[in-house]
Amino acid sequence: MAFLTRGPLRFGFLVGVIFGSWNLLYSWLFPLADDTPGALLAFYGPMFLTWAAAAFGAMRRTGRLSQAVATGALVAFATFCVYNLLILLRVNLFLDELTGRADWQNLMARFEASGYKSLRTFVNVENLKGAPLKFGAASMIGAVMGLFGGAVGWIGHGRHVSTARAS
């Protein structure tokens, strides 16, 4: 039980710091780079695979698929808690540059129609309003990746158990 309260949350925190820092660095280097489908896959794919790897490890340690799914969901939740804070930092540091991105045009139109006087306030409020949905979606994806990683771990775990019994 200690693994559930310490391991996945700490690991998710670390994953969030790594991916959030990468996002900050990339925004600094390439502030006008759009979030194309390929760019999103290249960024989020490794993040999701990291969640599956954590679940794989949990399955191998405990032999429980439910533990793997819970691990995937907890790692994902912790990742997105930290990652979302670093997104807020990114938006505030690079706000002027980000407004020139093509994928921000919808947000800019919503700002103009919103009645807010400050773009910074509007963007921060929008980010915070969307946070629960982001945390929930990340946790669900984490659970699915946990199921995937746990299933892969179960295959190997099952072989190890049956080999031990045959001896």
C-alpha atoms as a PDB file:
ATOM      1  CA  MET A   1       0.000   0.000   0.000  1.00  0.00           C
ATOM      2  CA  ALA A   2       2.932   2.365   0.604  1.00  0.00           C
ATOM      3  CA  PHE A   3       3.740   2.146  -3.107  1.00  0.00           C
ATOM      4  CA  LEU A   4       0.342   3.612  -3.980  1.00  0.00           C
ATOM      5  CA  THR A   5       0.689   6.557  -1.630  1.00  0.00           C
ATOM      6  CA  ARG A   6       4.312   7.343  -2.375  1.00  0.00           C
ATOM      7  CA  GLY A   7       5.700   5.744  -5.519  1.00  0.00           C
ATOM      8  CA  PRO A   8       3.212   6.656  -8.270  1.00  0.00           C
ATOM      9  CA  LEU A   9       2.613  10.179  -7.040  1.00  0.00           C
ATOM     10  CA  ARG A  10       6.316  10.905  -6.675  1.00  0.00           C
ATOM     11  CA  PHE A  11       7.065   9.367 -10.049  1.00  0.00           C
ATOM     12  CA  GLY A  12       4.206  11.324 -11.634  1.00  0.00           C
ATOM     13  CA  PHE A  13       5.560  14.504 -10.084  1.00  0.00           C
ATOM     14  CA  LEU A  14       8.953  13.784 -11.657  1.00  0.00           C
ATOM     15  CA  VAL A  15       7.380  13.018 -15.048  1.00  0.00           C
ATOM     16  CA  GLY A  16       5.410  16.274 -14.835  1.00  0.00           C
ATOM     17  CA  VAL A  17       8.567  18.248 -14.069  1.00  0.00           C
ATOM     18  CA  ILE A  18      10.417  16.643 -16.986  1.00  0.00           C
ATOM     19  CA  PHE A  19       7.682  17.141 -19.581  1.00  0.00           C
ATOM     20  CA  GLY A  20       6.700  20.569 -18.270  1.00  0.00           C
ATOM     21  CA  SER A  21      10.330  21.696 -18.374  1.00  0.00           C
ATOM     22  CA  TRP A  22      10.687  20.347 -21.899  1.00  0.00           C
ATOM     23  CA  ASN A  23       7.574  22.305 -22.904  1.00  0.00           C
ATOM     24  CA  LEU A  24       9.013  25.479 -21.359  1.00  0.00           C
ATOM     25  CA  LEU A  25      12.347  25.006 -23.118  1.00  0.00           C
ATOM     26  CA  TYR A  26      10.690  24.255 -26.449  1.00  0.00           C
ATOM     27  CA  SER A  27       8.487  27.355 -26.125  1.00  0.00           C
ATOM     28  CA  TRP A  28      11.558  29.444 -25.415  1.00  0.00           C
ATOM     29  CA  LEU A  29      13.411  28.032 -28.438  1.00  0.00           C
ATOM     30  CA  PHE A  30      10.458  27.867 -30.853  1.00  0.00           C
ATOM     31  CA  PRO A  31       7.707  30.186 -29.560  1.00  0.00           C
ATOM     32  CA  LEU A  32       5.694  30.169 -32.806  1.00  0.00           C
ATOM     33  CA  ALA A  33       5.722  26.383 -33.338  1.00  0.00           C
ATOM     34  CA  ASP A  34       2.141  25.168 -33.723  1.00  0.00           C
ATOM     35  CA  ASP A  35       0.714  22.158 -31.921  1.00  0.00           C
ATOM     36  CA  THR A  36       0.318  20.030 -35.028  1.00  0.00           C
ATOM     37  CA  PRO A  37      -0.963  16.449 -34.653  1.00  0.00           C
ATOM     38  CA  GLY A  38       2.556  15.138 -35.254  1.00  0.00           C
ATOM     39  CA  ALA A  39       4.061  17.457 -32.659  1.00  0.00           C
ATOM     40  CA  LEU A  40       1.410  16.474 -30.109  1.00  0.00           C
ATOM     41  CA  LEU A  41       2.005  12.767 -30.747  1.00  0.00           C
ATOM     42  CA  ALA A  42       5.774  13.234 -30.432  1.00  0.00           C
ATOM     43  CA  PHE A  43       5.265  15.018 -27.099  1.00  0.00           C
ATOM     44  CA  TYR A  44       2.433  13.080 -25.456  1.00  0.00           C
ATOM     45  CA  GLY A  45       3.322   9.636 -26.836  1.00  0.00           C
ATOM     46  CA  PRO A  46       6.421   9.252 -24.644  1.00  0.00           C
ATOM     47  CA  MET A  47       4.514  10.665 -21.670  1.00  0.00           C
ATOM     48  CA  PHE A  48       1.773   8.057 -22.062  1.00  0.00           C
ATOM     49  CA  LEU A  49       4.334   5.278 -22.553  1.00  0.00           C
ATOM     50  CA  THR A  50       5.998   6.382 -19.317  1.00  0.00           C
ATOM     51  CA  TRP A  51       2.674   5.871 -17.545  1.00  0.00           C
ATOM     52  CA  ALA A  52       2.401   2.389 -19.081  1.00  0.00           C
ATOM     53  CA  ALA A  53       5.968   1.590 -17.980  1.00  0.00           C
ATOM     54  CA  ALA A  54       5.130   2.558 -14.395  1.00  0.00           C
ATOM     55  CA  ALA A  55       2.098   0.267 -14.528  1.00  0.00           C
ATOM     56  CA  PHE A  56       4.225  -2.517 -16.003  1.00  0.00           C
ATOM     57  CA  GLY A  57       6.562  -2.188 -13.022  1.00  0.00           C
ATOM     58  CA  ALA A  58       3.654  -2.238 -10.575  1.00  0.00           C
ATOM     59  CA  MET A  59       2.283  -5.396 -12.183  1.00  0.00           C
ATOM     60  CA  ARG A  60       5.668  -7.080 -12.027  1.00  0.00           C
ATOM     61  CA  ARG A  61       6.065  -6.131  -8.348  1.00  0.00           C
ATOM     62  CA  THR A  62       2.584  -6.989  -7.120  1.00  0.00           C
ATOM     63  CA  GLY A  63       1.114  -9.423  -9.651  1.00  0.00           C
ATOM     64  CA  ARG A  64      -2.145  -7.408  -9.584  1.00  0.00           C
ATOM     65  CA  LEU A  65      -3.647  -5.856 -12.659  1.00  0.00           C
ATOM     66  CA  SER A  66      -5.767  -3.550 -10.483  1.00  0.00           C
ATOM     67  CA  GLN A  67      -2.542  -2.189  -8.957  1.00  0.00           C
ATOM     68  CA  ALA A  68      -1.167  -1.520 -12.441  1.00  0.00           C
ATOM     69  CA  VAL A  69      -4.309   0.368 -13.500  1.00  0.00           C
ATOM     70  CA  ALA A  70      -4.296   2.404 -10.283  1.00  0.00           C
ATOM     71  CA  THR A  71      -0.601   3.160 -10.762  1.00  0.00           C
ATOM     72  CA  GLY A  72      -1.172   4.375 -14.317  1.00  0.00           C
ATOM     73  CA  ALA A  73      -4.013   6.640 -13.196  1.00  0.00           C
ATOM     74  CA  LEU A  74      -2.099   8.044 -10.200  1.00  0.00           C
ATOM     75  CA  VAL A  75       1.073   8.694 -12.177  1.00  0.00           C
ATOM     76  CA  ALA A  76      -0.988  10.447 -14.865  1.00  0.00           C
ATOM     77  CA  PHE A  77      -2.870  12.554 -12.309  1.00  0.00           C
ATOM     78  CA  ALA A  78       0.329  13.673 -10.571  1.00  0.00           C
ATOM     79  CA  THR A  79       1.989  14.322 -13.925  1.00  0.00           C
ATOM     80  CA  PHE A  80      -0.804  16.633 -15.014  1.00  0.00           C
ATOM     81  CA  CYS A  81      -0.969  18.474 -11.690  1.00  0.00           C
ATOM     82  CA  VAL A  82       2.658  19.523 -12.093  1.00  0.00           C
ATOM     83  CA  TYR A  83       2.498  19.831 -15.867  1.00  0.00           C
ATOM     84  CA  ASN A  84      -0.501  22.183 -15.693  1.00  0.00           C
ATOM     85  CA  LEU A  85       1.351  24.453 -13.247  1.00  0.00           C
ATOM     86  CA  LEU A  86       4.267  24.618 -15.664  1.00  0.00           C
ATOM     87  CA  ILE A  87       1.831  25.362 -18.514  1.00  0.00           C
ATOM     88  CA  LEU A  88       0.611  28.354 -16.491  1.00  0.00           C
ATOM     89  CA  LEU A  89       4.212  29.454 -16.073  1.00  0.00           C
ATOM     90  CA  ARG A  90       4.823  28.993 -19.814  1.00  0.00           C
ATOM     91  CA  VAL A  91       1.771  31.035 -20.751  1.00  0.00           C
ATOM     92  CA  ASN A  92       2.765  33.848 -18.424  1.00  0.00           C
ATOM     93  CA  LEU A  93       6.402  33.886 -19.505  1.00  0.00           C
ATOM     94  CA  PHE A  94       5.732  33.707 -23.251  1.00  0.00           C
ATOM     95  CA  LEU A  95       2.285  35.298 -23.550  1.00  0.00           C
ATOM     96  CA  ASP A  96       3.282  37.877 -26.161  1.00  0.00           C
ATOM     97  CA  GLU A  97       4.976  35.281 -28.361  1.00  0.00           C
ATOM     98  CA  LEU A  98       2.205  32.686 -28.009  1.00  0.00           C
ATOM     99  CA  THR A  99      -0.501  35.069 -29.232  1.00  0.00           C
ATOM    100  CA  GLY A 100       1.086  34.925 -32.688  1.00  0.00           C
ATOM    101  CA  ARG A 101       0.613  31.181 -33.010  1.00  0.00           C
ATOM    102  CA  ALA A 102      -2.007  29.926 -35.429  1.00  0.00           C
ATOM    103  CA  ASP A 103      -3.378  27.504 -32.820  1.00  0.00           C
ATOM    104  CA  TRP A 104      -4.085  30.443 -30.482  1.00  0.00           C
ATOM    105  CA  GLN A 105      -6.392  32.308 -32.862  1.00  0.00           C
ATOM    106  CA  ASN A 106      -9.550  30.727 -31.450  1.00  0.00           C
ATOM    107  CA  LEU A 107      -8.452  31.666 -27.927  1.00  0.00           C
ATOM    108  CA  MET A 108      -7.731  35.219 -29.062  1.00  0.00           C
ATOM    109  CA  ALA A 109     -11.205  35.494 -30.625  1.00  0.00           C
ATOM    110  CA  ARG A 110     -12.768  34.225 -27.388  1.00  0.00           C
ATOM    111  CA  PHE A 111     -10.757  36.812 -25.444  1.00  0.00           C
ATOM    112  CA  GLU A 112     -12.029  39.652 -27.629  1.00  0.00           C
ATOM    113  CA  ALA A 113     -15.609  38.489 -27.093  1.00  0.00           C
ATOM    114  CA  SER A 114     -15.140  37.846 -23.363  1.00  0.00           C
ATOM    115  CA  GLY A 115     -15.145  41.386 -22.027  1.00  0.00           C
ATOM    116  CA  TYR A 116     -11.934  40.783 -20.068  1.00  0.00           C
ATOM    117  CA  LYS A 117      -9.579  43.739 -20.056  1.00  0.00           C
ATOM    118  CA  SER A 118      -6.435  41.648 -19.529  1.00  0.00           C
ATOM    119  CA  LEU A 119      -5.396  38.848 -21.880  1.00  0.00           C
ATOM    120  CA  ARG A 120      -3.171  37.403 -19.146  1.00  0.00           C
ATOM    121  CA  THR A 121      -6.085  37.174 -16.715  1.00  0.00           C
ATOM    122  CA  PHE A 122      -8.334  35.644 -19.369  1.00  0.00           C
ATOM    123  CA  VAL A 123      -5.778  32.994 -20.359  1.00  0.00           C
ATOM    124  CA  ASN A 124      -5.059  32.079 -16.732  1.00  0.00           C
ATOM    125  CA  VAL A 125      -8.758  31.837 -15.867  1.00  0.00           C
ATOM    126  CA  GLU A 126      -9.412  29.695 -18.968  1.00  0.00           C
ATOM    127  CA  ASN A 127      -6.526  27.409 -18.046  1.00  0.00           C
ATOM    128  CA  LEU A 128      -7.734  27.025 -14.459  1.00  0.00           C
ATOM    129  CA  LYS A 129     -11.342  26.413 -15.564  1.00  0.00           C
ATOM    130  CA  GLY A 130     -10.138  23.635 -17.864  1.00  0.00           C
ATOM    131  CA  ALA A 131      -7.861  22.019 -15.280  1.00  0.00           C
ATOM    132  CA  PRO A 132     -10.391  19.563 -13.776  1.00  0.00           C
ATOM    133  CA  LEU A 133     -11.238  18.224 -17.230  1.00  0.00           C
ATOM    134  CA  LYS A 134      -7.526  17.907 -18.059  1.00  0.00           C
ATOM    135  CA  PHE A 135      -6.829  16.074 -14.784  1.00  0.00           C
ATOM    136  CA  GLY A 136      -9.761  13.746 -15.352  1.00  0.00           C
ATOM    137  CA  ALA A 137      -8.847  13.024 -18.974  1.00  0.00           C
ATOM    138  CA  ALA A 138      -5.212  12.427 -18.039  1.00  0.00           C
ATOM    139  CA  SER A 139      -6.253  10.071 -15.229  1.00  0.00           C
ATOM    140  CA  MET A 140      -8.495   8.106 -17.600  1.00  0.00           C
ATOM    141  CA  ILE A 141      -5.726   7.868 -20.200  1.00  0.00           C
ATOM    142  CA  GLY A 142      -3.381   6.847 -17.386  1.00  0.00           C
ATOM    143  CA  ALA A 143      -5.766   4.082 -16.346  1.00  0.00           C
ATOM    144  CA  VAL A 144      -5.934   2.819 -19.937  1.00  0.00           C
ATOM    145  CA  MET A 145      -2.146   2.964 -20.214  1.00  0.00           C
ATOM    146  CA  GLY A 146      -2.022   1.226 -16.835  1.00  0.00           C
ATOM    147  CA  LEU A 147      -4.204  -1.545 -18.209  1.00  0.00           C
ATOM    148  CA  PHE A 148      -1.934  -1.827 -21.248  1.00  0.00           C
ATOM    149  CA  GLY A 149       1.301  -1.786 -19.217  1.00  0.00           C
ATOM    150  CA  GLY A 150      -0.201  -4.121 -16.639  1.00  0.00           C
ATOM    151  CA  ALA A 151      -1.352  -6.574 -19.314  1.00  0.00           C
ATOM    152  CA  VAL A 152       2.139  -6.665 -20.808  1.00  0.00           C
ATOM    153  CA  GLY A 153       3.567  -7.141 -17.325  1.00  0.00           C
ATOM    154  CA  TRP A 154       0.997  -9.841 -16.579  1.00  0.00           C
ATOM    155  CA  ILE A 155       2.082 -11.860 -19.608  1.00  0.00           C
ATOM    156  CA  GLY A 156       5.662 -11.890 -18.360  1.00  0.00           C
ATOM    157  CA  HIS A 157       4.582 -12.308 -14.744  1.00  0.00           C
ATOM    158  CA  GLY A 158       2.374 -15.270 -15.641  1.00  0.00           C
ATOM    159  CA  ARG A 159       5.230 -16.955 -17.496  1.00  0.00           C
ATOM    160  CA  HIS A 160       7.524 -16.445 -14.537  1.00  0.00           C
ATOM    161  CA  VAL A 161       4.981 -17.922 -12.124  1.00  0.00           C
ATOM    162  CA  SER A 162       4.243 -20.956 -14.303  1.00  0.00           C
ATOM    163  CA  THR A 163       7.965 -21.588 -14.875  1.00  0.00           C
ATOM    164  CA  ALA A 164       8.520 -21.512 -11.123  1.00  0.00           C
ATOM    165  CA  ARG A 165       5.685 -24.000 -10.550  1.00  0.00           C
ATOM    166  CA  ALA A 166       6.975 -26.374 -13.214  1.00  0.00           C
ATOM    167  CA  SER A 167      10.382 -26.629 -11.502  1.00  0.00           C
END
